[in-house]
Amino acid sequence: MKIKPRESVVSPTHYTNGDIECIDAIKSAIGDDHFVPFCKGQALKYIWRAGLKGDFEEDIQKAMFYLSACLNADWRGNDEPDKVGS
């Protein structure tokens, strides 16, 4: 079952500066070898705090977004999957 995440989960405007999204800058800065551990940490953070800071469902969707990136999955909902870690 594919859950369509909210706009605030995938490419939220507050994480974009010009044409560059923060997650892309992080991936470029730390490289593919460190991107998966980064995503795992982010997923754990959102699972840990789910419902405590904000909306429970949104926190779980954010965790799923980062876990999808760990699996080289289509983590932005595009037609073509990203090649994380390849």
PDB file of N, CA and C in Angstrom:
ATOM      1  N   MET A   1       0.845  -1.185   0.000  1.00  0.00           N
ATOM      2  CA  MET A   1       0.000   0.000   0.000  1.00  0.00           C
ATOM      3  C   MET A   1       0.884   1.240   0.000  1.00  0.00           C
ATOM      4  N   LYS A   2       0.724   2.077  -0.990  1.00  0.00           N
ATOM      5  CA  LYS A   2       1.489   3.310  -1.069  1.00  0.00           C
ATOM      6  C   LYS A   2       0.676   4.451  -0.475  1.00  0.00           C
ATOM      7  N   ILE A   3       1.267   5.117   0.483  1.00  0.00           N
ATOM      8  CA  ILE A   3       0.616   6.249   1.124  1.00  0.00           C
ATOM      9  C   ILE A   3       1.158   7.518   0.479  1.00  0.00           C
ATOM     10  N   LYS A   4       0.288   8.361  -0.016  1.00  0.00           N
ATOM     11  CA  LYS A   4       0.731   9.621  -0.598  1.00  0.00           C
ATOM     12  C   LYS A   4       0.977  10.608   0.539  1.00  0.00           C
ATOM     13  N   PRO A   5       2.245  10.978   0.727  1.00  0.00           N
ATOM     14  CA  PRO A   5       2.554  11.892   1.822  1.00  0.00           C
ATOM     15  C   PRO A   5       2.043  13.309   1.549  1.00  0.00           C
ATOM     16  N   ARG A   6       1.879  14.029   2.605  1.00  0.00           N
ATOM     17  CA  ARG A   6       1.442  15.414   2.515  1.00  0.00           C
ATOM     18  C   ARG A   6       2.532  16.259   1.867  1.00  0.00           C
ATOM     19  N   GLU A   7       2.133  17.404   1.373  1.00  0.00           N
ATOM     20  CA  GLU A   7       3.083  18.339   0.774  1.00  0.00           C
ATOM     21  C   GLU A   7       4.135  18.773   1.802  1.00  0.00           C
ATOM     22  N   SER A   8       3.769  18.797   3.066  1.00  0.00           N
ATOM     23  CA  SER A   8       4.705  19.209   4.110  1.00  0.00           C
ATOM     24  C   SER A   8       5.746  18.139   4.415  1.00  0.00           C
ATOM     25  N   VAL A   9       5.633  16.965   3.785  1.00  0.00           N
ATOM     26  CA  VAL A   9       6.573  15.868   4.009  1.00  0.00           C
ATOM     27  C   VAL A   9       7.595  15.787   2.880  1.00  0.00           C
ATOM     28  N   VAL A  10       7.139  15.831   1.658  1.00  0.00           N
ATOM     29  CA  VAL A  10       8.017  15.723   0.492  1.00  0.00           C
ATOM     30  C   VAL A  10       8.224  17.115  -0.096  1.00  0.00           C
ATOM     31  N   SER A  11       9.459  17.572  -0.101  1.00  0.00           N
ATOM     32  CA  SER A  11       9.834  18.873  -0.672  1.00  0.00           C
ATOM     33  C   SER A  11       9.061  20.051  -0.083  1.00  0.00           C
ATOM     34  N   PRO A  12       9.034  20.174   1.252  1.00  0.00           N
ATOM     35  CA  PRO A  12       8.347  21.329   1.834  1.00  0.00           C
ATOM     36  C   PRO A  12       9.071  22.631   1.460  1.00  0.00           C
ATOM     37  N   THR A  13       8.311  23.660   1.214  1.00  0.00           N
ATOM     38  CA  THR A  13       8.901  24.922   0.750  1.00  0.00           C
ATOM     39  C   THR A  13       9.871  25.523   1.757  1.00  0.00           C
ATOM     40  N   HIS A  14       9.671  25.291   3.046  1.00  0.00           N
ATOM     41  CA  HIS A  14      10.563  25.885   4.038  1.00  0.00           C
ATOM     42  C   HIS A  14      11.940  25.198   4.075  1.00  0.00           C
ATOM     43  N   TYR A  15      12.131  24.126   3.312  1.00  0.00           N
ATOM     44  CA  TYR A  15      13.437  23.473   3.201  1.00  0.00           C
ATOM     45  C   TYR A  15      14.078  23.717   1.845  1.00  0.00           C
ATOM     46  N   THR A  16      13.577  24.695   1.107  1.00  0.00           N
ATOM     47  CA  THR A  16      14.133  25.022  -0.201  1.00  0.00           C
ATOM     48  C   THR A  16      14.624  26.457  -0.202  1.00  0.00           C
ATOM     49  N   ASN A  17      15.836  26.631  -0.704  1.00  0.00           N
ATOM     50  CA  ASN A  17      16.422  27.962  -0.843  1.00  0.00           C
ATOM     51  C   ASN A  17      16.749  28.124  -2.325  1.00  0.00           C
ATOM     52  N   GLY A  18      15.986  28.935  -3.016  1.00  0.00           N
ATOM     53  CA  GLY A  18      16.153  29.040  -4.464  1.00  0.00           C
ATOM     54  C   GLY A  18      15.722  27.735  -5.108  1.00  0.00           C
ATOM     55  N   ASP A  19      16.618  27.151  -5.882  1.00  0.00           N
ATOM     56  CA  ASP A  19      16.320  25.885  -6.556  1.00  0.00           C
ATOM     57  C   ASP A  19      16.883  24.684  -5.819  1.00  0.00           C
ATOM     58  N   ILE A  20      17.525  24.895  -4.688  1.00  0.00           N
ATOM     59  CA  ILE A  20      18.191  23.815  -3.965  1.00  0.00           C
ATOM     60  C   ILE A  20      17.410  23.454  -2.713  1.00  0.00           C
ATOM     61  N   GLU A  21      17.064  22.166  -2.603  1.00  0.00           N
ATOM     62  CA  GLU A  21      16.389  21.669  -1.417  1.00  0.00           C
ATOM     63  C   GLU A  21      17.449  21.184  -0.420  1.00  0.00           C
ATOM     64  N   CYS A  22      17.206  21.402   0.841  1.00  0.00           N
ATOM     65  CA  CYS A  22      18.153  21.073   1.902  1.00  0.00           C
ATOM     66  C   CYS A  22      18.645  19.622   1.818  1.00  0.00           C
ATOM     67  N   ILE A  23      17.756  18.666   1.603  1.00  0.00           N
ATOM     68  CA  ILE A  23      18.159  17.263   1.571  1.00  0.00           C
ATOM     69  C   ILE A  23      19.140  16.997   0.428  1.00  0.00           C
ATOM     70  N   ASP A  24      18.988  17.704  -0.689  1.00  0.00           N
ATOM     71  CA  ASP A  24      19.918  17.545  -1.804  1.00  0.00           C
ATOM     72  C   ASP A  24      21.289  18.120  -1.456  1.00  0.00           C
ATOM     73  N   ALA A  25      21.298  19.240  -0.765  1.00  0.00           N
ATOM     74  CA  ALA A  25      22.565  19.832  -0.335  1.00  0.00           C
ATOM     75  C   ALA A  25      23.272  18.916   0.667  1.00  0.00           C
ATOM     76  N   ILE A  26      22.505  18.325   1.588  1.00  0.00           N
ATOM     77  CA  ILE A  26      23.081  17.397   2.571  1.00  0.00           C
ATOM     78  C   ILE A  26      23.658  16.183   1.859  1.00  0.00           C
ATOM     79  N   LYS A  27      22.897  15.600   0.936  1.00  0.00           N
ATOM     80  CA  LYS A  27      23.370  14.422   0.207  1.00  0.00           C
ATOM     81  C   LYS A  27      24.649  14.729  -0.559  1.00  0.00           C
ATOM     82  N   SER A  28      24.690  15.889  -1.183  1.00  0.00           N
ATOM     83  CA  SER A  28      25.881  16.284  -1.928  1.00  0.00           C
ATOM     84  C   SER A  28      27.067  16.501  -0.995  1.00  0.00           C
ATOM     85  N   ALA A  29      26.825  17.104   0.151  1.00  0.00           N
ATOM     86  CA  ALA A  29      27.904  17.415   1.089  1.00  0.00           C
ATOM     87  C   ALA A  29      28.479  16.172   1.771  1.00  0.00           C
ATOM     88  N   ILE A  30      27.619  15.218   2.127  1.00  0.00           N
ATOM     89  CA  ILE A  30      28.104  14.054   2.887  1.00  0.00           C
ATOM     90  C   ILE A  30      28.376  12.845   2.001  1.00  0.00           C
ATOM     91  N   GLY A  31      27.876  12.847   0.790  1.00  0.00           N
ATOM     92  CA  GLY A  31      28.107  11.752  -0.146  1.00  0.00           C
ATOM     93  C   GLY A  31      27.172  10.582   0.086  1.00  0.00           C
ATOM     94  N   ASP A  32      27.126   9.711  -0.922  1.00  0.00           N
ATOM     95  CA  ASP A  32      26.212   8.571  -0.887  1.00  0.00           C
ATOM     96  C   ASP A  32      26.484   7.624   0.276  1.00  0.00           C
ATOM     97  N   ASP A  33      27.759   7.423   0.632  1.00  0.00           N
ATOM     98  CA  ASP A  33      28.099   6.477   1.708  1.00  0.00           C
ATOM     99  C   ASP A  33      27.518   6.894   3.057  1.00  0.00           C
ATOM    100  N   HIS A  34      27.357   8.191   3.255  1.00  0.00           N
ATOM    101  CA  HIS A  34      26.864   8.677   4.543  1.00  0.00           C
ATOM    102  C   HIS A  34      25.392   9.085   4.499  1.00  0.00           C
ATOM    103  N   PHE A  35      24.823   9.098   3.299  1.00  0.00           N
ATOM    104  CA  PHE A  35      23.434   9.536   3.167  1.00  0.00           C
ATOM    105  C   PHE A  35      22.457   8.549   3.799  1.00  0.00           C
ATOM    106  N   VAL A  36      22.683   7.253   3.609  1.00  0.00           N
ATOM    107  CA  VAL A  36      21.778   6.251   4.185  1.00  0.00           C
ATOM    108  C   VAL A  36      21.797   6.301   5.719  1.00  0.00           C
ATOM    109  N   PRO A  37      22.979   6.337   6.364  1.00  0.00           N
ATOM    110  CA  PRO A  37      22.957   6.475   7.826  1.00  0.00           C
ATOM    111  C   PRO A  37      22.265   7.769   8.290  1.00  0.00           C
ATOM    112  N   PHE A  38      22.451   8.849   7.547  1.00  0.00           N
ATOM    113  CA  PHE A  38      21.763  10.100   7.860  1.00  0.00           C
ATOM    114  C   PHE A  38      20.248   9.900   7.824  1.00  0.00           C
ATOM    115  N   CYS A  39      19.766   9.242   6.755  1.00  0.00           N
ATOM    116  CA  CYS A  39      18.322   9.013   6.603  1.00  0.00           C
ATOM    117  C   CYS A  39      17.781   8.113   7.707  1.00  0.00           C
ATOM    118  N   LYS A  40      18.561   7.096   8.094  1.00  0.00           N
ATOM    119  CA  LYS A  40      18.127   6.218   9.184  1.00  0.00           C
ATOM    120  C   LYS A  40      17.987   7.010  10.481  1.00  0.00           C
ATOM    121  N   GLY A  41      18.916   7.893  10.732  1.00  0.00           N
ATOM    122  CA  GLY A  41      18.842   8.734  11.927  1.00  0.00           C
ATOM    123  C   GLY A  41      17.644   9.658  11.899  1.00  0.00           C
ATOM    124  N   GLN A  42      17.372  10.233  10.741  1.00  0.00           N
ATOM    125  CA  GLN A  42      16.207  11.108  10.604  1.00  0.00           C
ATOM    126  C   GLN A  42      14.919  10.330  10.836  1.00  0.00           C
ATOM    127  N   ALA A  43      14.839   9.116  10.270  1.00  0.00           N
ATOM    128  CA  ALA A  43      13.636   8.287  10.457  1.00  0.00           C
ATOM    129  C   ALA A  43      13.438   7.976  11.941  1.00  0.00           C
ATOM    130  N   LEU A  44      14.502   7.610  12.620  1.00  0.00           N
ATOM    131  CA  LEU A  44      14.412   7.306  14.053  1.00  0.00           C
ATOM    132  C   LEU A  44      13.925   8.521  14.835  1.00  0.00           C
ATOM    133  N   LYS A  45      14.437   9.696  14.469  1.00  0.00           N
ATOM    134  CA  LYS A  45      14.010  10.929  15.144  1.00  0.00           C
ATOM    135  C   LYS A  45      12.498  11.127  15.012  1.00  0.00           C
ATOM    136  N   TYR A  46      11.978  10.961  13.805  1.00  0.00           N
ATOM    137  CA  TYR A  46      10.547  11.188  13.596  1.00  0.00           C
ATOM    138  C   TYR A  46       9.690  10.119  14.249  1.00  0.00           C
ATOM    139  N   ILE A  47      10.160   8.885  14.276  1.00  0.00           N
ATOM    140  CA  ILE A  47       9.422   7.827  14.973  1.00  0.00           C
ATOM    141  C   ILE A  47       9.420   8.101  16.472  1.00  0.00           C
ATOM    142  N   TRP A  48      10.559   8.494  17.003  1.00  0.00           N
ATOM    143  CA  TRP A  48      10.717   8.751  18.439  1.00  0.00           C
ATOM    144  C   TRP A  48       9.758   9.838  18.915  1.00  0.00           C
ATOM    145  N   ARG A  49       9.658  10.897  18.137  1.00  0.00           N
ATOM    146  CA  ARG A  49       8.859  12.046  18.577  1.00  0.00           C
ATOM    147  C   ARG A  49       7.445  12.039  18.033  1.00  0.00           C
ATOM    148  N   ALA A  50       7.041  11.001  17.315  1.00  0.00           N
ATOM    149  CA  ALA A  50       5.740  10.964  16.637  1.00  0.00           C
ATOM    150  C   ALA A  50       4.613  11.385  17.577  1.00  0.00           C
ATOM    151  N   GLY A  51       3.949  12.453  17.210  1.00  0.00           N
ATOM    152  CA  GLY A  51       2.817  12.953  17.972  1.00  0.00           C
ATOM    153  C   GLY A  51       3.168  13.829  19.149  1.00  0.00           C
ATOM    154  N   LEU A  52       4.437  13.920  19.506  1.00  0.00           N
ATOM    155  CA  LEU A  52       4.816  14.719  20.676  1.00  0.00           C
ATOM    156  C   LEU A  52       5.013  16.195  20.336  1.00  0.00           C
ATOM    157  N   LYS A  53       5.557  16.470  19.151  1.00  0.00           N
ATOM    158  CA  LYS A  53       5.812  17.850  18.753  1.00  0.00           C
ATOM    159  C   LYS A  53       4.725  18.361  17.816  1.00  0.00           C
ATOM    160  N   GLY A  54       4.236  17.466  16.993  1.00  0.00           N
ATOM    161  CA  GLY A  54       3.243  17.877  16.009  1.00  0.00           C
ATOM    162  C   GLY A  54       2.285  16.750  15.724  1.00  0.00           C
ATOM    163  N   ASP A  55       1.890  16.663  14.492  1.00  0.00           N
ATOM    164  CA  ASP A  55       0.907  15.690  14.037  1.00  0.00           C
ATOM    165  C   ASP A  55       1.532  14.294  13.938  1.00  0.00           C
ATOM    166  N   PHE A  56       0.933  13.304  14.592  1.00  0.00           N
ATOM    167  CA  PHE A  56       1.445  11.926  14.606  1.00  0.00           C
ATOM    168  C   PHE A  56       1.589  11.373  13.191  1.00  0.00           C
ATOM    169  N   GLU A  57       0.529  11.489  12.392  1.00  0.00           N
ATOM    170  CA  GLU A  57       0.555  10.932  11.033  1.00  0.00           C
ATOM    171  C   GLU A  57       1.657  11.574  10.190  1.00  0.00           C
ATOM    172  N   GLU A  58       1.810  12.877  10.300  1.00  0.00           N
ATOM    173  CA  GLU A  58       2.852  13.562   9.531  1.00  0.00           C
ATOM    174  C   GLU A  58       4.245  13.103   9.960  1.00  0.00           C
ATOM    175  N   ASP A  59       4.462  12.934  11.255  1.00  0.00           N
ATOM    176  CA  ASP A  59       5.762  12.438  11.734  1.00  0.00           C
ATOM    177  C   ASP A  59       6.060  11.049  11.182  1.00  0.00           C
ATOM    178  N   ILE A  60       5.068  10.180  11.151  1.00  0.00           N
ATOM    179  CA  ILE A  60       5.259   8.830  10.607  1.00  0.00           C
ATOM    180  C   ILE A  60       5.525   8.903   9.108  1.00  0.00           C
ATOM    181  N   GLN A  61       4.827   9.781   8.405  1.00  0.00           N
ATOM    182  CA  GLN A  61       5.080   9.947   6.978  1.00  0.00           C
ATOM    183  C   GLN A  61       6.494  10.460   6.718  1.00  0.00           C
ATOM    184  N   LYS A  62       6.974  11.356   7.569  1.00  0.00           N
ATOM    185  CA  LYS A  62       8.347  11.845   7.426  1.00  0.00           C
ATOM    186  C   LYS A  62       9.339  10.708   7.654  1.00  0.00           C
ATOM    187  N   ALA A  63       9.085   9.865   8.641  1.00  0.00           N
ATOM    188  CA  ALA A  63       9.953   8.703   8.878  1.00  0.00           C
ATOM    189  C   ALA A  63       9.942   7.796   7.655  1.00  0.00           C
ATOM    190  N   MET A  64       8.769   7.571   7.078  1.00  0.00           N
ATOM    191  CA  MET A  64       8.657   6.724   5.890  1.00  0.00           C
ATOM    192  C   MET A  64       9.402   7.337   4.701  1.00  0.00           C
ATOM    193  N   PHE A  65       9.367   8.644   4.586  1.00  0.00           N
ATOM    194  CA  PHE A  65      10.098   9.341   3.528  1.00  0.00           C
ATOM    195  C   PHE A  65      11.587   9.018   3.627  1.00  0.00           C
ATOM    196  N   TYR A  66      12.141   9.136   4.829  1.00  0.00           N
ATOM    197  CA  TYR A  66      13.565   8.866   5.020  1.00  0.00           C
ATOM    198  C   TYR A  66      13.894   7.385   4.873  1.00  0.00           C
ATOM    199  N   LEU A  67      13.011   6.505   5.315  1.00  0.00           N
ATOM    200  CA  LEU A  67      13.238   5.071   5.139  1.00  0.00           C
ATOM    201  C   LEU A  67      13.200   4.690   3.662  1.00  0.00           C
ATOM    202  N   SER A  68      12.326   5.319   2.896  1.00  0.00           N
ATOM    203  CA  SER A  68      12.280   5.076   1.457  1.00  0.00           C
ATOM    204  C   SER A  68      13.599   5.458   0.806  1.00  0.00           C
ATOM    205  N   ALA A  69      14.183   6.559   1.252  1.00  0.00           N
ATOM    206  CA  ALA A  69      15.476   6.974   0.717  1.00  0.00           C
ATOM    207  C   ALA A  69      16.550   5.936   1.037  1.00  0.00           C
ATOM    208  N   CYS A  70      16.459   5.278   2.177  1.00  0.00           N
ATOM    209  CA  CYS A  70      17.422   4.227   2.551  1.00  0.00           C
ATOM    210  C   CYS A  70      17.346   3.030   1.608  1.00  0.00           C
ATOM    211  N   LEU A  71      16.175   2.773   1.062  1.00  0.00           N
ATOM    212  CA  LEU A  71      15.954   1.599   0.210  1.00  0.00           C
ATOM    213  C   LEU A  71      16.139   1.904  -1.272  1.00  0.00           C
ATOM    214  N   ASN A  72      16.707   3.063  -1.576  1.00  0.00           N
ATOM    215  CA  ASN A  72      16.839   3.496  -2.966  1.00  0.00           C
ATOM    216  C   ASN A  72      15.482   3.579  -3.643  1.00  0.00           C
ATOM    217  N   ALA A  73      14.460   3.744  -2.860  1.00  0.00           N
ATOM    218  CA  ALA A  73      13.096   3.779  -3.398  1.00  0.00           C
ATOM    219  C   ALA A  73      12.810   5.155  -3.992  1.00  0.00           C
ATOM    220  N   ASP A  74      11.672   5.266  -4.558  1.00  0.00           N
ATOM    221  CA  ASP A  74      11.207   6.511  -5.143  1.00  0.00           C
ATOM    222  C   ASP A  74      10.818   7.450  -4.006  1.00  0.00           C
ATOM    223  N   TRP A  75      11.789   8.066  -3.404  1.00  0.00           N
ATOM    224  CA  TRP A  75      11.570   8.807  -2.168  1.00  0.00           C
ATOM    225  C   TRP A  75      10.966  10.179  -2.348  1.00  0.00           C
ATOM    226  N   ARG A  76      10.800  10.640  -3.572  1.00  0.00           N
ATOM    227  CA  ARG A  76      10.138  11.922  -3.786  1.00  0.00           C
ATOM    228  C   ARG A  76       8.785  11.760  -4.463  1.00  0.00           C
ATOM    229  N   GLY A  77       8.416  10.534  -4.803  1.00  0.00           N
ATOM    230  CA  GLY A  77       7.147  10.326  -5.485  1.00  0.00           C
ATOM    231  C   GLY A  77       7.228  10.594  -6.970  1.00  0.00           C
ATOM    232  N   ASN A  78       8.445  10.659  -7.507  1.00  0.00           N
ATOM    233  CA  ASN A  78       8.627  10.847  -8.948  1.00  0.00           C
ATOM    234  C   ASN A  78       8.461   9.521  -9.674  1.00  0.00           C
ATOM    235  N   ASP A  79       8.441   9.584 -10.975  1.00  0.00           N
ATOM    236  CA  ASP A  79       8.346   8.365 -11.770  1.00  0.00           C
ATOM    237  C   ASP A  79       9.642   7.582 -11.760  1.00  0.00           C
ATOM    238  N   GLU A  80      10.768   8.266 -11.668  1.00  0.00           N
ATOM    239  CA  GLU A  80      12.076   7.602 -11.695  1.00  0.00           C
ATOM    240  C   GLU A  80      12.670   7.579 -10.289  1.00  0.00           C
ATOM    241  N   PRO A  81      13.047   6.399  -9.778  1.00  0.00           N
ATOM    242  CA  PRO A  81      13.655   6.326  -8.453  1.00  0.00           C
ATOM    243  C   PRO A  81      15.033   6.976  -8.433  1.00  0.00           C
ATOM    244  N   ASP A  82      15.394   7.509  -7.287  1.00  0.00           N
ATOM    245  CA  ASP A  82      16.744   8.022  -7.068  1.00  0.00           C
ATOM    246  C   ASP A  82      17.701   6.860  -6.930  1.00  0.00           C
ATOM    247  N   LYS A  83      18.935   7.084  -7.156  1.00  0.00           N
ATOM    248  CA  LYS A  83      19.971   6.048  -7.058  1.00  0.00           C
ATOM    249  C   LYS A  83      20.825   6.294  -5.811  1.00  0.00           C
ATOM    250  N   VAL A  84      20.201   6.334  -4.653  1.00  0.00           N
ATOM    251  CA  VAL A  84      20.909   6.546  -3.391  1.00  0.00           C
ATOM    252  C   VAL A  84      21.833   5.390  -3.145  1.00  0.00           C
ATOM    253  N   GLY A  85      23.077   5.699  -2.833  1.00  0.00           N
ATOM    254  CA  GLY A  85      24.038   4.667  -2.455  1.00  0.00           C
ATOM    255  C   GLY A  85      24.548   3.840  -3.609  1.00  0.00           C
ATOM    256  N   SER A  86      24.228   4.202  -4.868  1.00  0.00           N
ATOM    257  CA  SER A  86      24.748   3.398  -5.972  1.00  0.00           C
ATOM    258  C   SER A  86      26.006   3.990  -6.541  1.00  0.00           C
TER     259      SER A  86
END
